[in-house]
Amino acid sequence: MKNVVLFFLAAFIGLNIAKSQEKDGPVLKWEINRYDYGTVYVDDLPETKLDIKFTNDGNEPLVLSHVRACCGTRVHRWPREPIMPGEEGVIQVEFRLAPRAHRISRTVTVTSNANPGTTIFRIIGEVVER
């Protein structure tokens, strides 16, 4: 009898855990978690226009209410229309790399109706002398 009660208790807990992990509402999921330039040389700086791709991995429309970037990074375009479940969106950004040795550390902050409401995409790397 004790084993039967323990079995049903474990099954009940397992079902509640599975239910709590379901994706309710919109979910902003980045295609990649961050963009890493790695090590680049001062005399060979790459193009610094990026298309940051994401997907609505939830079950309700995703609405971006605000997209901002730091440190001289310019947001050219971001979706103003709702992103339906399973659909992709793109945020286009551009910035300039100074022709001197320094660390690349930029962020793009997205405010939306997803949970969490604010998500940060990071752009990293390092510029070095050859």
N, C-alpha and C. Protein backbone atom coordinates (compact mmCIF):
# COMPACT_ATOMS: atom_id res chain seq x y z
N MET A 1 0.83 -1.19 0.00
CA MET A 1 0.00 0.00 0.00
C MET A 1 0.88 1.25 0.00
N LYS A 2 1.94 1.20 0.79
CA LYS A 2 2.85 2.33 0.90
C LYS A 2 3.49 2.63 -0.47
N ASN A 3 3.83 1.57 -1.22
CA ASN A 3 4.44 1.75 -2.54
C ASN A 3 3.47 2.40 -3.53
N VAL A 4 2.20 2.04 -3.45
CA VAL A 4 1.19 2.60 -4.34
C VAL A 4 1.03 4.10 -4.07
N VAL A 5 0.97 4.47 -2.82
CA VAL A 5 0.84 5.88 -2.45
C VAL A 5 2.07 6.66 -2.93
N LEU A 6 3.26 6.11 -2.73
CA LEU A 6 4.47 6.77 -3.19
C LEU A 6 4.49 6.90 -4.72
N PHE A 7 4.02 5.87 -5.43
CA PHE A 7 3.96 5.92 -6.88
C PHE A 7 3.06 7.06 -7.35
N PHE A 8 1.85 7.14 -6.79
CA PHE A 8 0.92 8.19 -7.20
C PHE A 8 1.44 9.58 -6.82
N LEU A 9 2.08 9.70 -5.69
CA LEU A 9 2.67 10.98 -5.29
C LEU A 9 3.76 11.41 -6.26
N ALA A 10 4.64 10.48 -6.65
CA ALA A 10 5.71 10.77 -7.60
C ALA A 10 5.13 11.14 -8.96
N ALA A 11 4.09 10.42 -9.40
CA ALA A 11 3.46 10.72 -10.69
C ALA A 11 2.82 12.11 -10.66
N PHE A 12 2.16 12.46 -9.58
CA PHE A 12 1.53 13.77 -9.44
C PHE A 12 2.57 14.89 -9.49
N ILE A 13 3.67 14.71 -8.78
CA ILE A 13 4.75 15.71 -8.78
C ILE A 13 5.36 15.82 -10.18
N GLY A 14 5.59 14.70 -10.83
CA GLY A 14 6.16 14.70 -12.18
C GLY A 14 5.27 15.42 -13.18
N LEU A 15 3.97 15.19 -13.11
CA LEU A 15 3.04 15.87 -14.02
C LEU A 15 3.02 17.38 -13.77
N ASN A 16 3.07 17.78 -12.51
CA ASN A 16 3.09 19.21 -12.20
C ASN A 16 4.37 19.87 -12.70
N ILE A 17 5.50 19.19 -12.59
CA ILE A 17 6.76 19.74 -13.10
C ILE A 17 6.69 19.87 -14.62
N ALA A 18 6.18 18.85 -15.29
CA ALA A 18 6.06 18.90 -16.75
C ALA A 18 5.12 20.02 -17.18
N LYS A 19 4.02 20.20 -16.48
CA LYS A 19 3.06 21.26 -16.80
C LYS A 19 3.68 22.64 -16.60
N SER A 20 4.50 22.80 -15.56
CA SER A 20 5.10 24.11 -15.28
C SER A 20 6.16 24.47 -16.30
N GLN A 21 6.70 23.48 -17.04
CA GLN A 21 7.72 23.76 -18.03
C GLN A 21 7.15 24.02 -19.42
N GLU A 22 5.83 23.92 -19.59
CA GLU A 22 5.22 24.24 -20.87
C GLU A 22 5.41 25.72 -21.17
N LYS A 23 5.53 26.03 -22.44
CA LYS A 23 5.78 27.41 -22.86
C LYS A 23 4.45 28.14 -23.02
N ASP A 24 4.03 28.85 -21.99
CA ASP A 24 2.83 29.65 -22.07
C ASP A 24 3.21 31.06 -22.46
N GLY A 25 2.52 31.62 -23.43
CA GLY A 25 2.80 32.97 -23.87
C GLY A 25 3.93 33.01 -24.88
N PRO A 26 4.34 34.21 -25.27
CA PRO A 26 5.44 34.34 -26.23
C PRO A 26 6.79 34.06 -25.58
N VAL A 27 7.72 33.52 -26.36
CA VAL A 27 9.06 33.23 -25.88
C VAL A 27 10.05 33.71 -26.95
N LEU A 28 10.89 34.67 -26.59
CA LEU A 28 11.91 35.17 -27.50
C LEU A 28 13.14 34.29 -27.38
N LYS A 29 13.51 33.61 -28.49
CA LYS A 29 14.67 32.72 -28.48
C LYS A 29 15.63 33.19 -29.57
N TRP A 30 16.86 33.56 -29.15
CA TRP A 30 17.88 34.00 -30.10
C TRP A 30 18.37 32.82 -30.93
N GLU A 31 18.69 33.07 -32.21
CA GLU A 31 19.28 32.04 -33.05
C GLU A 31 20.64 31.62 -32.48
N ILE A 32 21.45 32.61 -32.08
CA ILE A 32 22.68 32.38 -31.34
C ILE A 32 22.61 33.26 -30.11
N ASN A 33 23.22 32.85 -29.00
CA ASN A 33 23.12 33.58 -27.75
C ASN A 33 23.87 34.91 -27.76
N ARG A 34 24.98 34.95 -28.53
CA ARG A 34 25.77 36.17 -28.65
C ARG A 34 26.58 36.09 -29.92
N TYR A 35 27.04 37.23 -30.40
CA TYR A 35 27.89 37.24 -31.58
C TYR A 35 29.32 37.52 -31.12
N ASP A 36 30.23 36.62 -31.45
CA ASP A 36 31.62 36.74 -31.02
C ASP A 36 32.51 36.97 -32.24
N TYR A 37 33.07 38.18 -32.34
CA TYR A 37 34.01 38.48 -33.43
C TYR A 37 35.33 37.76 -33.23
N GLY A 38 35.60 37.28 -32.04
CA GLY A 38 36.88 36.66 -31.75
C GLY A 38 37.96 37.73 -31.74
N THR A 39 39.15 37.40 -32.22
CA THR A 39 40.24 38.36 -32.29
C THR A 39 40.34 38.89 -33.72
N VAL A 40 40.26 40.20 -33.87
CA VAL A 40 40.40 40.84 -35.18
C VAL A 40 41.57 41.81 -35.10
N TYR A 41 42.17 42.09 -36.26
CA TYR A 41 43.34 42.96 -36.30
C TYR A 41 42.97 44.38 -36.70
N VAL A 42 43.70 45.34 -36.14
CA VAL A 42 43.46 46.76 -36.38
C VAL A 42 43.49 47.07 -37.88
N ASP A 43 44.38 46.42 -38.62
CA ASP A 43 44.52 46.71 -40.05
C ASP A 43 43.58 45.89 -40.93
N ASP A 44 42.68 45.11 -40.32
CA ASP A 44 41.75 44.28 -41.07
C ASP A 44 40.41 44.19 -40.33
N LEU A 45 39.79 45.33 -40.07
CA LEU A 45 38.54 45.37 -39.32
C LEU A 45 37.38 44.83 -40.17
N PRO A 46 36.53 44.00 -39.58
CA PRO A 46 35.40 43.43 -40.32
C PRO A 46 34.25 44.42 -40.47
N GLU A 47 33.31 44.06 -41.34
CA GLU A 47 32.08 44.84 -41.47
C GLU A 47 31.31 44.68 -40.16
N THR A 48 30.72 45.74 -39.70
CA THR A 48 30.05 45.69 -38.41
C THR A 48 28.55 45.95 -38.55
N LYS A 49 27.97 45.34 -39.56
CA LYS A 49 26.51 45.32 -39.71
C LYS A 49 26.08 43.90 -39.37
N LEU A 50 25.14 43.78 -38.47
CA LEU A 50 24.67 42.45 -38.04
C LEU A 50 23.17 42.33 -38.20
N ASP A 51 22.74 41.16 -38.62
CA ASP A 51 21.33 40.79 -38.57
C ASP A 51 21.19 39.81 -37.42
N ILE A 52 20.54 40.25 -36.35
CA ILE A 52 20.35 39.40 -35.17
C ILE A 52 19.01 38.71 -35.33
N LYS A 53 19.04 37.38 -35.49
CA LYS A 53 17.83 36.62 -35.75
C LYS A 53 17.29 35.99 -34.47
N PHE A 54 15.98 35.94 -34.38
CA PHE A 54 15.31 35.32 -33.24
C PHE A 54 14.02 34.67 -33.70
N THR A 55 13.47 33.83 -32.84
CA THR A 55 12.23 33.11 -33.13
C THR A 55 11.28 33.28 -31.95
N ASN A 56 9.98 33.34 -32.25
CA ASN A 56 8.98 33.26 -31.19
C ASN A 56 8.76 31.78 -30.93
N ASP A 57 9.32 31.28 -29.85
CA ASP A 57 9.27 29.86 -29.50
C ASP A 57 8.10 29.56 -28.57
N GLY A 58 7.19 30.51 -28.42
CA GLY A 58 6.05 30.33 -27.52
C GLY A 58 4.79 29.97 -28.28
N ASN A 59 3.65 30.19 -27.62
CA ASN A 59 2.37 29.84 -28.24
C ASN A 59 1.43 31.05 -28.38
N GLU A 60 1.96 32.25 -28.21
CA GLU A 60 1.19 33.48 -28.42
C GLU A 60 2.05 34.47 -29.20
N PRO A 61 1.44 35.48 -29.85
CA PRO A 61 2.22 36.46 -30.61
C PRO A 61 3.22 37.21 -29.72
N LEU A 62 4.43 37.41 -30.27
CA LEU A 62 5.50 38.15 -29.60
C LEU A 62 5.50 39.57 -30.14
N VAL A 63 5.45 40.55 -29.23
CA VAL A 63 5.44 41.96 -29.63
C VAL A 63 6.65 42.64 -29.00
N LEU A 64 7.56 43.17 -29.84
CA LEU A 64 8.69 43.93 -29.35
C LEU A 64 8.23 45.36 -29.15
N SER A 65 8.36 45.86 -27.94
CA SER A 65 7.91 47.23 -27.66
C SER A 65 9.05 48.24 -27.75
N HIS A 66 10.29 47.78 -27.55
CA HIS A 66 11.43 48.70 -27.62
C HIS A 66 12.71 47.92 -27.85
N VAL A 67 13.56 48.44 -28.74
CA VAL A 67 14.88 47.83 -28.99
C VAL A 67 15.89 48.96 -28.92
N ARG A 68 16.88 48.82 -28.07
CA ARG A 68 17.91 49.86 -27.95
C ARG A 68 19.27 49.19 -27.85
N ALA A 69 20.29 49.96 -28.23
CA ALA A 69 21.65 49.43 -28.22
C ALA A 69 22.55 50.42 -27.49
N CYS A 70 23.69 49.93 -27.03
CA CYS A 70 24.61 50.78 -26.28
C CYS A 70 25.82 51.16 -27.10
N CYS A 71 26.59 52.07 -26.57
CA CYS A 71 27.97 52.34 -27.00
C CYS A 71 28.10 52.72 -28.47
N GLY A 72 27.22 53.53 -28.97
CA GLY A 72 27.33 53.95 -30.36
C GLY A 72 26.81 52.93 -31.36
N THR A 73 26.17 51.89 -30.89
CA THR A 73 25.57 50.90 -31.79
C THR A 73 24.21 51.43 -32.22
N ARG A 74 23.96 51.37 -33.50
CA ARG A 74 22.71 51.91 -34.04
C ARG A 74 21.78 50.79 -34.47
N VAL A 75 20.54 50.85 -34.03
CA VAL A 75 19.52 49.88 -34.45
C VAL A 75 18.85 50.44 -35.70
N HIS A 76 19.06 49.78 -36.84
CA HIS A 76 18.48 50.24 -38.10
C HIS A 76 17.03 49.83 -38.25
N ARG A 77 16.76 48.56 -37.92
CA ARG A 77 15.41 48.05 -38.17
C ARG A 77 15.11 46.93 -37.19
N TRP A 78 13.85 46.92 -36.73
CA TRP A 78 13.37 45.83 -35.89
C TRP A 78 11.88 45.65 -36.16
N PRO A 79 11.34 44.44 -35.99
CA PRO A 79 9.94 44.18 -36.32
C PRO A 79 8.98 44.92 -35.40
N ARG A 80 8.09 45.65 -36.00
CA ARG A 80 7.08 46.38 -35.24
C ARG A 80 5.74 45.64 -35.22
N GLU A 81 5.61 44.68 -36.10
CA GLU A 81 4.40 43.86 -36.15
C GLU A 81 4.60 42.64 -35.25
N PRO A 82 3.51 42.07 -34.72
CA PRO A 82 3.64 40.87 -33.88
C PRO A 82 4.30 39.72 -34.65
N ILE A 83 5.13 38.98 -33.95
CA ILE A 83 5.78 37.78 -34.50
C ILE A 83 4.94 36.59 -34.02
N MET A 84 4.34 35.88 -34.95
CA MET A 84 3.47 34.76 -34.59
C MET A 84 4.29 33.57 -34.09
N PRO A 85 3.69 32.67 -33.33
CA PRO A 85 4.42 31.49 -32.83
C PRO A 85 5.09 30.73 -33.97
N GLY A 86 6.37 30.41 -33.76
CA GLY A 86 7.14 29.68 -34.75
C GLY A 86 7.78 30.55 -35.82
N GLU A 87 7.41 31.82 -35.90
CA GLU A 87 7.98 32.70 -36.91
C GLU A 87 9.26 33.35 -36.42
N GLU A 88 10.07 33.82 -37.40
CA GLU A 88 11.34 34.47 -37.10
C GLU A 88 11.23 35.97 -37.27
N GLY A 89 12.13 36.67 -36.60
CA GLY A 89 12.28 38.11 -36.74
C GLY A 89 13.75 38.45 -36.82
N VAL A 90 14.04 39.66 -37.31
CA VAL A 90 15.43 40.10 -37.46
C VAL A 90 15.56 41.52 -36.94
N ILE A 91 16.60 41.76 -36.17
CA ILE A 91 16.97 43.10 -35.70
C ILE A 91 18.27 43.45 -36.41
N GLN A 92 18.27 44.55 -37.15
CA GLN A 92 19.46 44.97 -37.88
C GLN A 92 20.17 46.06 -37.10
N VAL A 93 21.46 45.83 -36.81
CA VAL A 93 22.27 46.81 -36.08
C VAL A 93 23.56 47.08 -36.84
N GLU A 94 24.16 48.24 -36.52
CA GLU A 94 25.44 48.61 -37.11
C GLU A 94 26.21 49.43 -36.09
N PHE A 95 27.53 49.25 -36.09
CA PHE A 95 28.39 50.05 -35.22
C PHE A 95 29.76 50.17 -35.86
N ARG A 96 30.58 50.98 -35.31
CA ARG A 96 31.91 51.23 -35.84
C ARG A 96 32.94 50.72 -34.84
N LEU A 97 33.96 50.06 -35.36
CA LEU A 97 35.08 49.63 -34.52
C LEU A 97 36.21 50.63 -34.68
N ALA A 98 36.71 51.12 -33.58
CA ALA A 98 37.83 52.06 -33.61
C ALA A 98 39.10 51.33 -34.05
N PRO A 99 39.92 51.95 -34.91
CA PRO A 99 41.15 51.29 -35.38
C PRO A 99 42.28 51.36 -34.36
N ARG A 100 42.03 50.77 -33.20
CA ARG A 100 43.02 50.71 -32.12
C ARG A 100 42.72 49.45 -31.31
N ALA A 101 43.66 49.02 -30.54
CA ALA A 101 43.46 47.82 -29.72
C ALA A 101 42.41 48.11 -28.63
N HIS A 102 41.41 47.25 -28.53
CA HIS A 102 40.38 47.37 -27.48
C HIS A 102 39.50 46.12 -27.48
N ARG A 103 38.74 45.97 -26.41
CA ARG A 103 37.77 44.88 -26.31
C ARG A 103 36.46 45.34 -26.93
N ILE A 104 35.81 44.44 -27.64
CA ILE A 104 34.49 44.72 -28.21
C ILE A 104 33.46 44.22 -27.20
N SER A 105 32.62 45.11 -26.74
CA SER A 105 31.57 44.75 -25.79
C SER A 105 30.36 45.64 -26.05
N ARG A 106 29.41 45.12 -26.80
CA ARG A 106 28.20 45.87 -27.14
C ARG A 106 27.00 45.04 -26.70
N THR A 107 25.90 45.74 -26.46
CA THR A 107 24.66 45.03 -26.12
C THR A 107 23.50 45.62 -26.91
N VAL A 108 22.54 44.75 -27.20
CA VAL A 108 21.26 45.15 -27.78
C VAL A 108 20.20 44.66 -26.81
N THR A 109 19.43 45.59 -26.27
CA THR A 109 18.42 45.27 -25.27
C THR A 109 17.04 45.30 -25.89
N VAL A 110 16.29 44.21 -25.74
CA VAL A 110 14.96 44.09 -26.33
C VAL A 110 13.93 44.01 -25.21
N THR A 111 12.94 44.88 -25.28
CA THR A 111 11.82 44.84 -24.35
C THR A 111 10.62 44.31 -25.12
N SER A 112 9.95 43.29 -24.56
CA SER A 112 8.84 42.66 -25.26
C SER A 112 7.81 42.15 -24.26
N ASN A 113 6.79 41.48 -24.80
CA ASN A 113 5.77 40.88 -23.93
C ASN A 113 6.11 39.45 -23.54
N ALA A 114 7.35 39.01 -23.83
CA ALA A 114 7.79 37.66 -23.44
C ALA A 114 8.16 37.67 -21.96
N ASN A 115 8.42 36.49 -21.43
CA ASN A 115 8.87 36.37 -20.06
C ASN A 115 10.27 35.77 -20.07
N PRO A 116 11.32 36.47 -19.71
CA PRO A 116 11.33 37.79 -19.08
C PRO A 116 11.06 38.89 -20.09
N GLY A 117 10.62 40.02 -19.61
CA GLY A 117 10.23 41.14 -20.46
C GLY A 117 11.40 41.84 -21.12
N THR A 118 12.60 41.73 -20.56
CA THR A 118 13.79 42.35 -21.13
C THR A 118 14.83 41.28 -21.39
N THR A 119 15.36 41.27 -22.62
CA THR A 119 16.36 40.29 -23.02
C THR A 119 17.54 41.04 -23.64
N ILE A 120 18.75 40.58 -23.35
CA ILE A 120 19.96 41.25 -23.85
C ILE A 120 20.73 40.32 -24.78
N PHE A 121 21.08 40.85 -25.96
CA PHE A 121 21.94 40.16 -26.91
C PHE A 121 23.30 40.82 -26.84
N ARG A 122 24.37 40.03 -26.73
CA ARG A 122 25.72 40.57 -26.56
C ARG A 122 26.57 40.38 -27.82
N ILE A 123 27.39 41.40 -28.07
CA ILE A 123 28.35 41.37 -29.17
C ILE A 123 29.73 41.55 -28.52
N ILE A 124 30.61 40.56 -28.72
CA ILE A 124 31.90 40.59 -28.02
C ILE A 124 33.04 40.33 -29.00
N GLY A 125 34.24 40.53 -28.54
CA GLY A 125 35.43 40.26 -29.31
C GLY A 125 36.59 41.11 -28.84
N GLU A 126 37.67 41.11 -29.61
CA GLU A 126 38.82 41.91 -29.24
C GLU A 126 39.55 42.36 -30.49
N VAL A 127 39.91 43.65 -30.53
CA VAL A 127 40.71 44.22 -31.61
C VAL A 127 42.14 44.32 -31.09
N VAL A 128 43.09 43.78 -31.87
CA VAL A 128 44.50 43.77 -31.44
C VAL A 128 45.39 44.26 -32.58
N GLU A 129 46.60 44.67 -32.22
CA GLU A 129 47.62 45.03 -33.21
C GLU A 129 48.17 43.73 -33.80
N ARG A 130 48.55 43.78 -35.06
CA ARG A 130 49.11 42.60 -35.71
C ARG A 130 50.55 42.40 -35.27
